[in-house]
Every structure is written in structure tokens, then in C-alpha cells.
């Protein structure tokens, strides 16, 4: 949700006194999406 003030992105914007764009790593996001989805399968294949 990008909430709170105790993170690097918010602190940078406050110090710079202007808006900048926050670009998260989508390689991690895509990877985590398949990990999240595979948790619903009846077998923990990653663990196996």
C-alpha cells in the first residue's frame, strides 16, 4: 500500500521536497506471484 513514513521512498521525497516516482522491482513481483499461487496446490512442490 506504500503507507507510512518510515521508508526510504517517503524520506527521499521529503528531503527533496518534491515528488519522485517509486519503481519497485517487477522481476521479484512476477516471481512472487507464482510462489503465492502455488501455495494453493495440494502438494508443496517447491519444498519437494
ModelCIF file with pLDDT and N, C-alpha, C, O atoms, coordinates in Angstrom:
data_MODEL
#
_entry.id   MODEL 
#
_entity.id                         1 
_entity.type                       polymer 
_entity.pdbx_number_of_molecules   1 
#
_entity_poly.entity_id                      1 
_entity_poly.type                           'polypeptide(L)' 
_entity_poly.nstd_linkage                   no 
_entity_poly.nstd_monomer                   no 
_entity_poly.pdbx_seq_one_letter_code       
;(UNK)(UNK)(UNK)(UNK)(UNK)(UNK)(UNK)(UNK)(UNK)(UNK)(UNK)(UNK)(UNK)(UNK)(UNK)(UNK)
(UNK)(UNK)(UNK)(UNK)(UNK)(UNK)(UNK)(UNK)(UNK)(UNK)(UNK)(UNK)(UNK)(UNK)(UNK)(UNK)
(UNK)(UNK)(UNK)(UNK)(UNK)(UNK)(UNK)(UNK)(UNK)(UNK)(UNK)(UNK)(UNK)(UNK)(UNK)(UNK)
;
_entity_poly.pdbx_seq_one_letter_code_can   XXXXXXXXXXXXXXXXXXXXXXXXXXXXXXXXXXXXXXXXXXXXXXXX 
_entity_poly.pdbx_strand_id                 A 
#
loop_
_entity_poly_seq.entity_id 
_entity_poly_seq.num 
_entity_poly_seq.mon_id 
_entity_poly_seq.hetero 
1 1  UNK n 
1 2  UNK n 
1 3  UNK n 
1 4  UNK n 
1 5  UNK n 
1 6  UNK n 
1 7  UNK n 
1 8  UNK n 
1 9  UNK n 
1 10 UNK n 
1 11 UNK n 
1 12 UNK n 
1 13 UNK n 
1 14 UNK n 
1 15 UNK n 
1 16 UNK n 
1 17 UNK n 
1 18 UNK n 
1 19 UNK n 
1 20 UNK n 
1 21 UNK n 
1 22 UNK n 
1 23 UNK n 
1 24 UNK n 
1 25 UNK n 
1 26 UNK n 
1 27 UNK n 
1 28 UNK n 
1 29 UNK n 
1 30 UNK n 
1 31 UNK n 
1 32 UNK n 
1 33 UNK n 
1 34 UNK n 
1 35 UNK n 
1 36 UNK n 
1 37 UNK n 
1 38 UNK n 
1 39 UNK n 
1 40 UNK n 
1 41 UNK n 
1 42 UNK n 
1 43 UNK n 
1 44 UNK n 
1 45 UNK n 
1 46 UNK n 
1 47 UNK n 
1 48 UNK n 
#
_struct_asym.id          A 
_struct_asym.entity_id   1 
#
loop_
_ma_qa_metric.id 
_ma_qa_metric.mode 
_ma_qa_metric.name 
_ma_qa_metric.software_group_id 
_ma_qa_metric.type 
1 global pLDDT . pLDDT 
2 local  pLDDT . pLDDT 
#
_ma_qa_metric_global.metric_id      1 
_ma_qa_metric_global.metric_value   89.62 
_ma_qa_metric_global.model_id       1 
_ma_qa_metric_global.ordinal_id     1 
#
loop_
_ma_qa_metric_local.label_asym_id 
_ma_qa_metric_local.label_comp_id 
_ma_qa_metric_local.label_seq_id 
_ma_qa_metric_local.metric_id 
_ma_qa_metric_local.metric_value 
_ma_qa_metric_local.model_id 
_ma_qa_metric_local.ordinal_id 
A UNK 1  2 75.00 1 1  
A UNK 2  2 79.00 1 2  
A UNK 3  2 77.00 1 3  
A UNK 4  2 78.00 1 4  
A UNK 5  2 85.00 1 5  
A UNK 6  2 90.00 1 6  
A UNK 7  2 92.00 1 7  
A UNK 8  2 93.00 1 8  
A UNK 9  2 92.00 1 9  
A UNK 10 2 93.00 1 10 
A UNK 11 2 94.00 1 11 
A UNK 12 2 94.00 1 12 
A UNK 13 2 92.00 1 13 
A UNK 14 2 93.00 1 14 
A UNK 15 2 94.00 1 15 
A UNK 16 2 92.00 1 16 
A UNK 17 2 91.00 1 17 
A UNK 18 2 87.00 1 18 
A UNK 19 2 86.00 1 19 
A UNK 20 2 89.00 1 20 
A UNK 21 2 89.00 1 21 
A UNK 22 2 89.00 1 22 
A UNK 23 2 87.00 1 23 
A UNK 24 2 85.00 1 24 
A UNK 25 2 86.00 1 25 
A UNK 26 2 88.00 1 26 
A UNK 27 2 87.00 1 27 
A UNK 28 2 86.00 1 28 
A UNK 29 2 89.00 1 29 
A UNK 30 2 91.00 1 30 
A UNK 31 2 89.00 1 31 
A UNK 32 2 89.00 1 32 
A UNK 33 2 92.00 1 33 
A UNK 34 2 91.00 1 34 
A UNK 35 2 89.00 1 35 
A UNK 36 2 92.00 1 36 
A UNK 37 2 94.00 1 37 
A UNK 38 2 93.00 1 38 
A UNK 39 2 92.00 1 39 
A UNK 40 2 94.00 1 40 
A UNK 41 2 94.00 1 41 
A UNK 42 2 93.00 1 42 
A UNK 43 2 93.00 1 43 
A UNK 44 2 93.00 1 44 
A UNK 45 2 93.00 1 45 
A UNK 46 2 91.00 1 46 
A UNK 47 2 93.00 1 47 
A UNK 48 2 94.00 1 48 
#
loop_
_atom_site.group_PDB 
_atom_site.id 
_atom_site.type_symbol 
_atom_site.label_atom_id 
_atom_site.label_alt_id 
_atom_site.label_comp_id 
_atom_site.label_asym_id 
_atom_site.label_entity_id 
_atom_site.label_seq_id 
_atom_site.pdbx_PDB_ins_code 
_atom_site.Cartn_x 
_atom_site.Cartn_y 
_atom_site.Cartn_z 
_atom_site.occupancy 
_atom_site.B_iso_or_equiv 
_atom_site.pdbx_formal_charge 
_atom_site.auth_seq_id 
_atom_site.auth_comp_id 
_atom_site.auth_asym_id 
_atom_site.auth_atom_id 
_atom_site.pdbx_PDB_model_num 
ATOM 1   N N  . UNK A 1 1  ? 0.809  -1.223  0.000   1.00 75.00 ? 1  UNK A N  1 
ATOM 2   C CA . UNK A 1 1  ? 0.000  0.000   0.000   1.00 75.00 ? 1  UNK A CA 1 
ATOM 3   C C  . UNK A 1 1  ? 0.841  1.271   0.000   1.00 75.00 ? 1  UNK A C  1 
ATOM 4   O O  . UNK A 1 1  ? 0.323  2.375   -0.170  1.00 75.00 ? 1  UNK A O  1 
ATOM 5   N N  . UNK A 1 2  ? 2.158  1.095   0.196   1.00 79.00 ? 2  UNK A N  1 
ATOM 6   C CA . UNK A 1 2  ? 3.075  2.242   0.262   1.00 79.00 ? 2  UNK A CA 1 
ATOM 7   C C  . UNK A 1 2  ? 2.599  3.274   1.276   1.00 79.00 ? 2  UNK A C  1 
ATOM 8   O O  . UNK A 1 2  ? 2.507  4.470   0.998   1.00 79.00 ? 2  UNK A O  1 
ATOM 9   N N  . UNK A 1 3  ? 2.303  2.760   2.455   1.00 77.00 ? 3  UNK A N  1 
ATOM 10  C CA . UNK A 1 3  ? 1.851  3.628   3.539   1.00 77.00 ? 3  UNK A CA 1 
ATOM 11  C C  . UNK A 1 3  ? 2.979  3.829   4.552   1.00 77.00 ? 3  UNK A C  1 
ATOM 12  O O  . UNK A 1 3  ? 4.012  3.162   4.503   1.00 77.00 ? 3  UNK A O  1 
ATOM 13  N N  . UNK A 1 4  ? 2.754  4.746   5.449   1.00 78.00 ? 4  UNK A N  1 
ATOM 14  C CA . UNK A 1 4  ? 3.744  5.016   6.480   1.00 78.00 ? 4  UNK A CA 1 
ATOM 15  C C  . UNK A 1 4  ? 4.801  6.002   6.003   1.00 78.00 ? 4  UNK A C  1 
ATOM 16  O O  . UNK A 1 4  ? 4.896  6.313   4.816   1.00 78.00 ? 4  UNK A O  1 
ATOM 17  N N  . UNK A 1 5  ? 5.586  6.481   6.948   1.00 85.00 ? 5  UNK A N  1 
ATOM 18  C CA . UNK A 1 5  ? 6.618  7.472   6.624   1.00 85.00 ? 5  UNK A CA 1 
ATOM 19  C C  . UNK A 1 5  ? 8.022  6.963   6.874   1.00 85.00 ? 5  UNK A C  1 
ATOM 20  O O  . UNK A 1 5  ? 9.000  7.617   6.514   1.00 85.00 ? 5  UNK A O  1 
ATOM 21  N N  . UNK A 1 6  ? 8.124  5.784   7.496   1.00 90.00 ? 6  UNK A N  1 
ATOM 22  C CA . UNK A 1 6  ? 9.451  5.276   7.831   1.00 90.00 ? 6  UNK A CA 1 
ATOM 23  C C  . UNK A 1 6  ? 9.965  4.327   6.750   1.00 90.00 ? 6  UNK A C  1 
ATOM 24  O O  . UNK A 1 6  ? 10.290 3.171   7.021   1.00 90.00 ? 6  UNK A O  1 
ATOM 25  N N  . UNK A 1 7  ? 10.032 4.836   5.523   1.00 92.00 ? 7  UNK A N  1 
ATOM 26  C CA . UNK A 1 7  ? 10.614 4.063   4.432   1.00 92.00 ? 7  UNK A CA 1 
ATOM 27  C C  . UNK A 1 7  ? 11.448 4.994   3.555   1.00 92.00 ? 7  UNK A C  1 
ATOM 28  O O  . UNK A 1 7  ? 11.264 6.211   3.583   1.00 92.00 ? 7  UNK A O  1 
ATOM 29  N N  . UNK A 1 8  ? 12.345 4.429   2.792   1.00 93.00 ? 8  UNK A N  1 
ATOM 30  C CA . UNK A 1 8  ? 13.312 5.220   2.017   1.00 93.00 ? 8  UNK A CA 1 
ATOM 31  C C  . UNK A 1 8  ? 12.610 6.118   1.012   1.00 93.00 ? 8  UNK A C  1 
ATOM 32  O O  . UNK A 1 8  ? 12.993 7.276   0.849   1.00 93.00 ? 8  UNK A O  1 
ATOM 33  N N  . UNK A 1 9  ? 11.585 5.602   0.333   1.00 92.00 ? 9  UNK A N  1 
ATOM 34  C CA . UNK A 1 9  ? 10.901 6.350   -0.722  1.00 92.00 ? 9  UNK A CA 1 
ATOM 35  C C  . UNK A 1 9  ? 10.289 7.645   -0.176  1.00 92.00 ? 9  UNK A C  1 
ATOM 36  O O  . UNK A 1 9  ? 10.489 8.719   -0.743  1.00 92.00 ? 9  UNK A O  1 
ATOM 37  N N  . UNK A 1 10 ? 9.554  7.536   0.914   1.00 93.00 ? 10 UNK A N  1 
ATOM 38  C CA . UNK A 1 10 ? 8.922  8.722   1.507   1.00 93.00 ? 10 UNK A CA 1 
ATOM 39  C C  . UNK A 1 10 ? 9.974  9.695   2.030   1.00 93.00 ? 10 UNK A C  1 
ATOM 40  O O  . UNK A 1 10 ? 9.841  10.907  1.859   1.00 93.00 ? 10 UNK A O  1 
ATOM 41  N N  . UNK A 1 11 ? 11.007 9.175   2.659   1.00 94.00 ? 11 UNK A N  1 
ATOM 42  C CA . UNK A 1 11 ? 12.066 10.034  3.195   1.00 94.00 ? 11 UNK A CA 1 
ATOM 43  C C  . UNK A 1 11 ? 12.784 10.803  2.080   1.00 94.00 ? 11 UNK A C  1 
ATOM 44  O O  . UNK A 1 11 ? 13.145 11.967  2.250   1.00 94.00 ? 11 UNK A O  1 
ATOM 45  N N  . UNK A 1 12 ? 12.983 10.142  0.948   1.00 94.00 ? 12 UNK A N  1 
ATOM 46  C CA . UNK A 1 12 ? 13.627 10.826  -0.175  1.00 94.00 ? 12 UNK A CA 1 
ATOM 47  C C  . UNK A 1 12 ? 12.759 11.970  -0.683  1.00 94.00 ? 12 UNK A C  1 
ATOM 48  O O  . UNK A 1 12 ? 13.259 13.060  -0.958  1.00 94.00 ? 12 UNK A O  1 
ATOM 49  N N  . UNK A 1 13 ? 11.460 11.719  -0.806  1.00 92.00 ? 13 UNK A N  1 
ATOM 50  C CA . UNK A 1 13 ? 10.563 12.771  -1.294  1.00 92.00 ? 13 UNK A CA 1 
ATOM 51  C C  . UNK A 1 13 ? 10.515 13.949  -0.328  1.00 92.00 ? 13 UNK A C  1 
ATOM 52  O O  . UNK A 1 13 ? 10.455 15.104  -0.749  1.00 92.00 ? 13 UNK A O  1 
ATOM 53  N N  . UNK A 1 14 ? 10.541 13.651  0.964   1.00 93.00 ? 14 UNK A N  1 
ATOM 54  C CA . UNK A 1 14 ? 10.524 14.727  1.951   1.00 93.00 ? 14 UNK A CA 1 
ATOM 55  C C  . UNK A 1 14 ? 11.811 15.541  1.911   1.00 93.00 ? 14 UNK A C  1 
ATOM 56  O O  . UNK A 1 14 ? 11.780 16.768  2.003   1.00 93.00 ? 14 UNK A O  1 
ATOM 57  N N  . UNK A 1 15 ? 12.932 14.858  1.776   1.00 94.00 ? 15 UNK A N  1 
ATOM 58  C CA . UNK A 1 15 ? 14.217 15.563  1.743   1.00 94.00 ? 15 UNK A CA 1 
ATOM 59  C C  . UNK A 1 15 ? 14.352 16.389  0.469   1.00 94.00 ? 15 UNK A C  1 
ATOM 60  O O  . UNK A 1 15 ? 14.850 17.514  0.508   1.00 94.00 ? 15 UNK A O  1 
ATOM 61  N N  . UNK A 1 16 ? 13.912 15.839  -0.652  1.00 92.00 ? 16 UNK A N  1 
ATOM 62  C CA . UNK A 1 16 ? 13.998 16.544  -1.936  1.00 92.00 ? 16 UNK A CA 1 
ATOM 63  C C  . UNK A 1 16 ? 12.919 17.608  -2.069  1.00 92.00 ? 16 UNK A C  1 
ATOM 64  O O  . UNK A 1 16 ? 13.019 18.508  -2.903  1.00 92.00 ? 16 UNK A O  1 
ATOM 65  N N  . UNK A 1 17 ? 11.885 17.496  -1.239  1.00 91.00 ? 17 UNK A N  1 
ATOM 66  C CA . UNK A 1 17 ? 10.771 18.443  -1.233  1.00 91.00 ? 17 UNK A CA 1 
ATOM 67  C C  . UNK A 1 17 ? 10.027 18.455  -2.567  1.00 91.00 ? 17 UNK A C  1 
ATOM 68  O O  . UNK A 1 17 ? 9.614  19.511  -3.047  1.00 91.00 ? 17 UNK A O  1 
ATOM 69  N N  . UNK A 1 18 ? 9.861  17.284  -3.155  1.00 87.00 ? 18 UNK A N  1 
ATOM 70  C CA . UNK A 1 18 ? 9.106  17.156  -4.401  1.00 87.00 ? 18 UNK A CA 1 
ATOM 71  C C  . UNK A 1 18 ? 8.791  15.688  -4.643  1.00 87.00 ? 18 UNK A C  1 
ATOM 72  O O  . UNK A 1 18 ? 9.288  14.797  -3.954  1.00 87.00 ? 18 UNK A O  1 
ATOM 73  N N  . UNK A 1 19 ? 7.957  15.469  -5.637  1.00 86.00 ? 19 UNK A N  1 
ATOM 74  C CA . UNK A 1 19 ? 7.543  14.102  -5.946  1.00 86.00 ? 19 UNK A CA 1 
ATOM 75  C C  . UNK A 1 19 ? 8.584  13.429  -6.838  1.00 86.00 ? 19 UNK A C  1 
ATOM 76  O O  . UNK A 1 19 ? 9.142  14.058  -7.737  1.00 86.00 ? 19 UNK A O  1 
ATOM 77  N N  . UNK A 1 20 ? 8.838  12.165  -6.584  1.00 89.00 ? 20 UNK A N  1 
ATOM 78  C CA . UNK A 1 20 ? 9.610  11.316  -7.490  1.00 89.00 ? 20 UNK A CA 1 
ATOM 79  C C  . UNK A 1 20 ? 8.840  10.013  -7.645  1.00 89.00 ? 20 UNK A C  1 
ATOM 80  O O  . UNK A 1 20 ? 7.953  9.717   -6.844  1.00 89.00 ? 20 UNK A O  1 
ATOM 81  N N  . UNK A 1 21 ? 9.169  9.240   -8.660  1.00 89.00 ? 21 UNK A N  1 
ATOM 82  C CA . UNK A 1 21 ? 8.454  8.001   -8.917  1.00 89.00 ? 21 UNK A CA 1 
ATOM 83  C C  . UNK A 1 21 ? 9.133  6.849   -8.196  1.00 89.00 ? 21 UNK A C  1 
ATOM 84  O O  . UNK A 1 21 ? 10.361 6.765   -8.157  1.00 89.00 ? 21 UNK A O  1 
ATOM 85  N N  . UNK A 1 22 ? 8.332  5.969   -7.629  1.00 89.00 ? 22 UNK A N  1 
ATOM 86  C CA . UNK A 1 22 ? 8.862  4.784   -6.960  1.00 89.00 ? 22 UNK A CA 1 
ATOM 87  C C  . UNK A 1 22 ? 8.734  3.575   -7.853  1.00 89.00 ? 22 UNK A C  1 
ATOM 88  O O  . UNK A 1 22 ? 7.625  3.121   -8.135  1.00 89.00 ? 22 UNK A O  1 
ATOM 89  N N  . UNK A 1 23 ? 9.861  3.046   -8.302  1.00 87.00 ? 23 UNK A N  1 
ATOM 90  C CA . UNK A 1 23 ? 9.850  1.927   -9.249  1.00 87.00 ? 23 UNK A CA 1 
ATOM 91  C C  . UNK A 1 23 ? 10.294 0.653   -8.536  1.00 87.00 ? 23 UNK A C  1 
ATOM 92  O O  . UNK A 1 23 ? 11.489 0.410   -8.368  1.00 87.00 ? 23 UNK A O  1 
ATOM 93  N N  . UNK A 1 24 ? 9.320  -0.159  -8.116  1.00 85.00 ? 24 UNK A N  1 
ATOM 94  C CA . UNK A 1 24 ? 9.637  -1.434  -7.498  1.00 85.00 ? 24 UNK A CA 1 
ATOM 95  C C  . UNK A 1 24 ? 10.153 -2.415  -8.539  1.00 85.00 ? 24 UNK A C  1 
ATOM 96  O O  . UNK A 1 24 ? 9.993  -2.198  -9.740  1.00 85.00 ? 24 UNK A O  1 
ATOM 97  N N  . UNK A 1 25 ? 10.776 -3.504  -8.071  1.00 86.00 ? 25 UNK A N  1 
ATOM 98  C CA . UNK A 1 25 ? 11.350 -4.477  -8.991  1.00 86.00 ? 25 UNK A CA 1 
ATOM 99  C C  . UNK A 1 25 ? 10.278 -5.482  -9.432  1.00 86.00 ? 25 UNK A C  1 
ATOM 100 O O  . UNK A 1 25 ? 9.816  -6.291  -8.627  1.00 86.00 ? 25 UNK A O  1 
ATOM 101 N N  . UNK A 1 26 ? 9.890  -5.431  -10.686 1.00 88.00 ? 26 UNK A N  1 
ATOM 102 C CA . UNK A 1 26 ? 8.828  -6.298  -11.190 1.00 88.00 ? 26 UNK A CA 1 
ATOM 103 C C  . UNK A 1 26 ? 9.295  -7.726  -11.438 1.00 88.00 ? 26 UNK A C  1 
ATOM 104 O O  . UNK A 1 26 ? 8.470  -8.636  -11.521 1.00 88.00 ? 26 UNK A O  1 
ATOM 105 N N  . UNK A 1 27 ? 10.592 -7.937  -11.555 1.00 87.00 ? 27 UNK A N  1 
ATOM 106 C CA . UNK A 1 27 ? 11.074 -9.317  -11.664 1.00 87.00 ? 27 UNK A CA 1 
ATOM 107 C C  . UNK A 1 27 ? 10.726 -10.073 -10.388 1.00 87.00 ? 27 UNK A C  1 
ATOM 108 O O  . UNK A 1 27 ? 10.318 -11.234 -10.434 1.00 87.00 ? 27 UNK A O  1 
ATOM 109 N N  . UNK A 1 28 ? 10.889 -9.406  -9.249  1.00 86.00 ? 28 UNK A N  1 
ATOM 110 C CA . UNK A 1 28 ? 10.520 -10.015 -7.968  1.00 86.00 ? 28 UNK A CA 1 
ATOM 111 C C  . UNK A 1 28 ? 9.006  -10.209 -7.877  1.00 86.00 ? 28 UNK A C  1 
ATOM 112 O O  . UNK A 1 28 ? 8.537  -11.231 -7.376  1.00 86.00 ? 28 UNK A O  1 
ATOM 113 N N  . UNK A 1 29 ? 8.250  -9.232  -8.358  1.00 89.00 ? 29 UNK A N  1 
ATOM 114 C CA . UNK A 1 29 ? 6.788  -9.305  -8.272  1.00 89.00 ? 29 UNK A CA 1 
ATOM 115 C C  . UNK A 1 29 ? 6.256  -10.495 -9.076  1.00 89.00 ? 29 UNK A C  1 
ATOM 116 O O  . UNK A 1 29 ? 5.407  -11.245 -8.593  1.00 89.00 ? 29 UNK A O  1 
ATOM 117 N N  . UNK A 1 30 ? 6.753  -10.663 -10.291 1.00 91.00 ? 30 UNK A N  1 
ATOM 118 C CA . UNK A 1 30 ? 6.306  -11.786 -11.127 1.00 91.00 ? 30 UNK A CA 1 
ATOM 119 C C  . UNK A 1 30 ? 6.701  -13.112 -10.489 1.00 91.00 ? 30 UNK A C  1 
ATOM 120 O O  . UNK A 1 30 ? 5.914  -14.058 -10.465 1.00 91.00 ? 30 UNK A O  1 
ATOM 121 N N  . UNK A 1 31 ? 7.913  -13.173 -9.979  1.00 89.00 ? 31 UNK A N  1 
ATOM 122 C CA . UNK A 1 31 ? 8.390  -14.389 -9.302  1.00 89.00 ? 31 UNK A CA 1 
ATOM 123 C C  . UNK A 1 31 ? 7.511  -14.717 -8.102  1.00 89.00 ? 31 UNK A C  1 
ATOM 124 O O  . UNK A 1 31 ? 7.114  -15.866 -7.910  1.00 89.00 ? 31 UNK A O  1 
ATOM 125 N N  . UNK A 1 32 ? 7.207  -13.693 -7.290  1.00 89.00 ? 32 UNK A N  1 
ATOM 126 C CA . UNK A 1 32 ? 6.406  -13.918 -6.084  1.00 89.00 ? 32 UNK A CA 1 
ATOM 127 C C  . UNK A 1 32 ? 4.967  -14.287 -6.403  1.00 89.00 ? 32 UNK A C  1 
ATOM 128 O O  . UNK A 1 32 ? 4.305  -14.951 -5.605  1.00 89.00 ? 32 UNK A O  1 
ATOM 129 N N  . UNK A 1 33 ? 4.474  -13.861 -7.570  1.00 92.00 ? 33 UNK A N  1 
ATOM 130 C CA . UNK A 1 33 ? 3.086  -14.184 -7.943  1.00 92.00 ? 33 UNK A CA 1 
ATOM 131 C C  . UNK A 1 33 ? 2.919  -15.691 -8.124  1.00 92.00 ? 33 UNK A C  1 
ATOM 132 O O  . UNK A 1 33 ? 1.908  -16.258 -7.710  1.00 92.00 ? 33 UNK A O  1 
ATOM 133 N N  . UNK A 1 34 ? 3.909  -16.343 -8.742  1.00 91.00 ? 34 UNK A N  1 
ATOM 134 C CA . UNK A 1 34 ? 3.811  -17.788 -8.950  1.00 91.00 ? 34 UNK A CA 1 
ATOM 135 C C  . UNK A 1 34 ? 4.030  -18.534 -7.639  1.00 91.00 ? 34 UNK A C  1 
ATOM 136 O O  . UNK A 1 34 ? 3.445  -19.595 -7.420  1.00 91.00 ? 34 UNK A O  1 
ATOM 137 N N  . UNK A 1 35 ? 4.872  -17.980 -6.768  1.00 89.00 ? 35 UNK A N  1 
ATOM 138 C CA . UNK A 1 35 ? 5.052  -18.593 -5.447  1.00 89.00 ? 35 UNK A CA 1 
ATOM 139 C C  . UNK A 1 35 ? 3.766  -18.523 -4.647  1.00 89.00 ? 35 UNK A C  1 
ATOM 140 O O  . UNK A 1 35 ? 3.370  -19.496 -4.004  1.00 89.00 ? 35 UNK A O  1 
ATOM 141 N N  . UNK A 1 36 ? 3.109  -17.359 -4.689  1.00 92.00 ? 36 UNK A N  1 
ATOM 142 C CA . UNK A 1 36 ? 1.840  -17.175 -3.971  1.00 92.00 ? 36 UNK A CA 1 
ATOM 143 C C  . UNK A 1 36 ? 0.775  -18.128 -4.510  1.00 92.00 ? 36 UNK A C  1 
ATOM 144 O O  . UNK A 1 36 ? 0.045  -18.748 -3.736  1.00 92.00 ? 36 UNK A O  1 
ATOM 145 N N  . UNK A 1 37 ? 0.688  -18.245 -5.828  1.00 94.00 ? 37 UNK A N  1 
ATOM 146 C CA . UNK A 1 37 ? -0.336 -19.097 -6.442  1.00 94.00 ? 37 UNK A CA 1 
ATOM 147 C C  . UNK A 1 37 ? -0.082 -20.565 -6.153  1.00 94.00 ? 37 UNK A C  1 
ATOM 148 O O  . UNK A 1 37 ? -1.029 -21.318 -5.924  1.00 94.00 ? 37 UNK A O  1 
ATOM 149 N N  . UNK A 1 38 ? 1.182  -20.990 -6.159  1.00 93.00 ? 38 UNK A N  1 
ATOM 150 C CA . UNK A 1 38 ? 1.488  -22.412 -5.961  1.00 93.00 ? 38 UNK A CA 1 
ATOM 151 C C  . UNK A 1 38 ? 1.182  -22.885 -4.542  1.00 93.00 ? 38 UNK A C  1 
ATOM 152 O O  . UNK A 1 38 ? 1.088  -24.088 -4.298  1.00 93.00 ? 38 UNK A O  1 
ATOM 153 N N  . UNK A 1 39 ? 1.027  -21.947 -3.605  1.00 92.00 ? 39 UNK A N  1 
ATOM 154 C CA . UNK A 1 39 ? 0.690  -22.322 -2.226  1.00 92.00 ? 39 UNK A CA 1 
ATOM 155 C C  . UNK A 1 39 ? -0.705 -22.933 -2.119  1.00 92.00 ? 39 UNK A C  1 
ATOM 156 O O  . UNK A 1 39 ? -1.012 -23.598 -1.130  1.00 92.00 ? 39 UNK A O  1 
ATOM 157 N N  . UNK A 1 40 ? -1.551 -22.714 -3.125  1.00 94.00 ? 40 UNK A N  1 
ATOM 158 C CA . UNK A 1 40 ? -2.918 -23.260 -3.075  1.00 94.00 ? 40 UNK A CA 1 
ATOM 159 C C  . UNK A 1 40 ? -2.976 -24.705 -3.571  1.00 94.00 ? 40 UNK A C  1 
ATOM 160 O O  . UNK A 1 40 ? -3.984 -25.386 -3.382  1.00 94.00 ? 40 UNK A O  1 
ATOM 161 N N  . UNK A 1 41 ? -1.904 -25.170 -4.201  1.00 94.00 ? 41 UNK A N  1 
ATOM 162 C CA . UNK A 1 41 ? -1.908 -26.527 -4.741  1.00 94.00 ? 41 UNK A CA 1 
ATOM 163 C C  . UNK A 1 41 ? -1.868 -27.557 -3.621  1.00 94.00 ? 41 UNK A C  1 
ATOM 164 O O  . UNK A 1 41 ? -1.339 -27.273 -2.547  1.00 94.00 ? 41 UNK A O  1 
ATOM 165 N N  . UNK A 1 42 ? -2.411 -28.736 -3.849  1.00 93.00 ? 42 UNK A N  1 
ATOM 166 C CA . UNK A 1 42 ? -2.477 -29.756 -2.792  1.00 93.00 ? 42 UNK A CA 1 
ATOM 167 C C  . UNK A 1 42 ? -1.107 -30.309 -2.397  1.00 93.00 ? 42 UNK A C  1 
ATOM 168 O O  . UNK A 1 42 ? -0.986 -30.983 -1.374  1.00 93.00 ? 42 UNK A O  1 
ATOM 169 N N  . UNK A 1 43 ? -0.081 -30.033 -3.193  1.00 93.00 ? 43 UNK A N  1 
ATOM 170 C CA . UNK A 1 43 ? 1.272  -30.515 -2.896  1.00 93.00 ? 43 UNK A CA 1 
ATOM 171 C C  . UNK A 1 43 ? 2.218  -29.331 -2.866  1.00 93.00 ? 43 UNK A C  1 
ATOM 172 O O  . UNK A 1 43 ? 2.189  -28.481 -3.755  1.00 93.00 ? 43 UNK A O  1 
ATOM 173 N N  . UNK A 1 44 ? 3.066  -29.275 -1.833  1.00 93.00 ? 44 UNK A N  1 
ATOM 174 C CA . UNK A 1 44 ? 4.079  -28.216 -1.736  1.00 93.00 ? 44 UNK A CA 1 
ATOM 175 C C  . UNK A 1 44 ? 5.262  -28.611 -2.620  1.00 93.00 ? 44 UNK A C  1 
ATOM 176 O O  . UNK A 1 44 ? 6.258  -29.164 -2.155  1.00 93.00 ? 44 UNK A O  1 
ATOM 177 N N  . UNK A 1 45 ? 5.119  -28.312 -3.890  1.00 93.00 ? 45 UNK A N  1 
ATOM 178 C CA . UNK A 1 45 ? 6.104  -28.773 -4.872  1.00 93.00 ? 45 UNK A CA 1 
ATOM 179 C C  . UNK A 1 45 ? 7.466  -28.133 -4.651  1.00 93.00 ? 45 UNK A C  1 
ATOM 180 O O  . UNK A 1 45 ? 8.494  -28.791 -4.809  1.00 93.00 ? 45 UNK A O  1 
ATOM 181 N N  . UNK A 1 46 ? 7.481  -26.879 -4.294  1.00 91.00 ? 46 UNK A N  1 
ATOM 182 C CA . UNK A 1 46 ? 8.759  -26.194 -4.065  1.00 91.00 ? 46 UNK A CA 1 
ATOM 183 C C  . UNK A 1 46 ? 9.552  -26.886 -2.964  1.00 91.00 ? 46 UNK A C  1 
ATOM 184 O O  . UNK A 1 46 ? 10.763 -27.073 -3.088  1.00 91.00 ? 46 UNK A O  1 
ATOM 185 N N  . UNK A 1 47 ? 8.869  -27.264 -1.890  1.00 93.00 ? 47 UNK A N  1 
ATOM 186 C CA . UNK A 1 47 ? 9.524  -27.959 -0.779  1.00 93.00 ? 47 UNK A CA 1 
ATOM 187 C C  . UNK A 1 47 ? 10.021 -29.336 -1.216  1.00 93.00 ? 47 UNK A C  1 
ATOM 188 O O  . UNK A 1 47 ? 11.110 -29.761 -0.831  1.00 93.00 ? 47 UNK A O  1 
ATOM 189 N N  . UNK A 1 48 ? 9.215  -30.030 -2.023  1.00 94.00 ? 48 UNK A N  1 
ATOM 190 C CA . UNK A 1 48 ? 9.600  -31.366 -2.513  1.00 94.00 ? 48 UNK A CA 1 
ATOM 191 C C  . UNK A 1 48 ? 10.847 -31.274 -3.389  1.00 94.00 ? 48 UNK A C  1 
ATOM 192 O O  . UNK A 1 48 ? 11.324 -32.291 -3.893  1.00 94.00 ? 48 UNK A O  1 
#
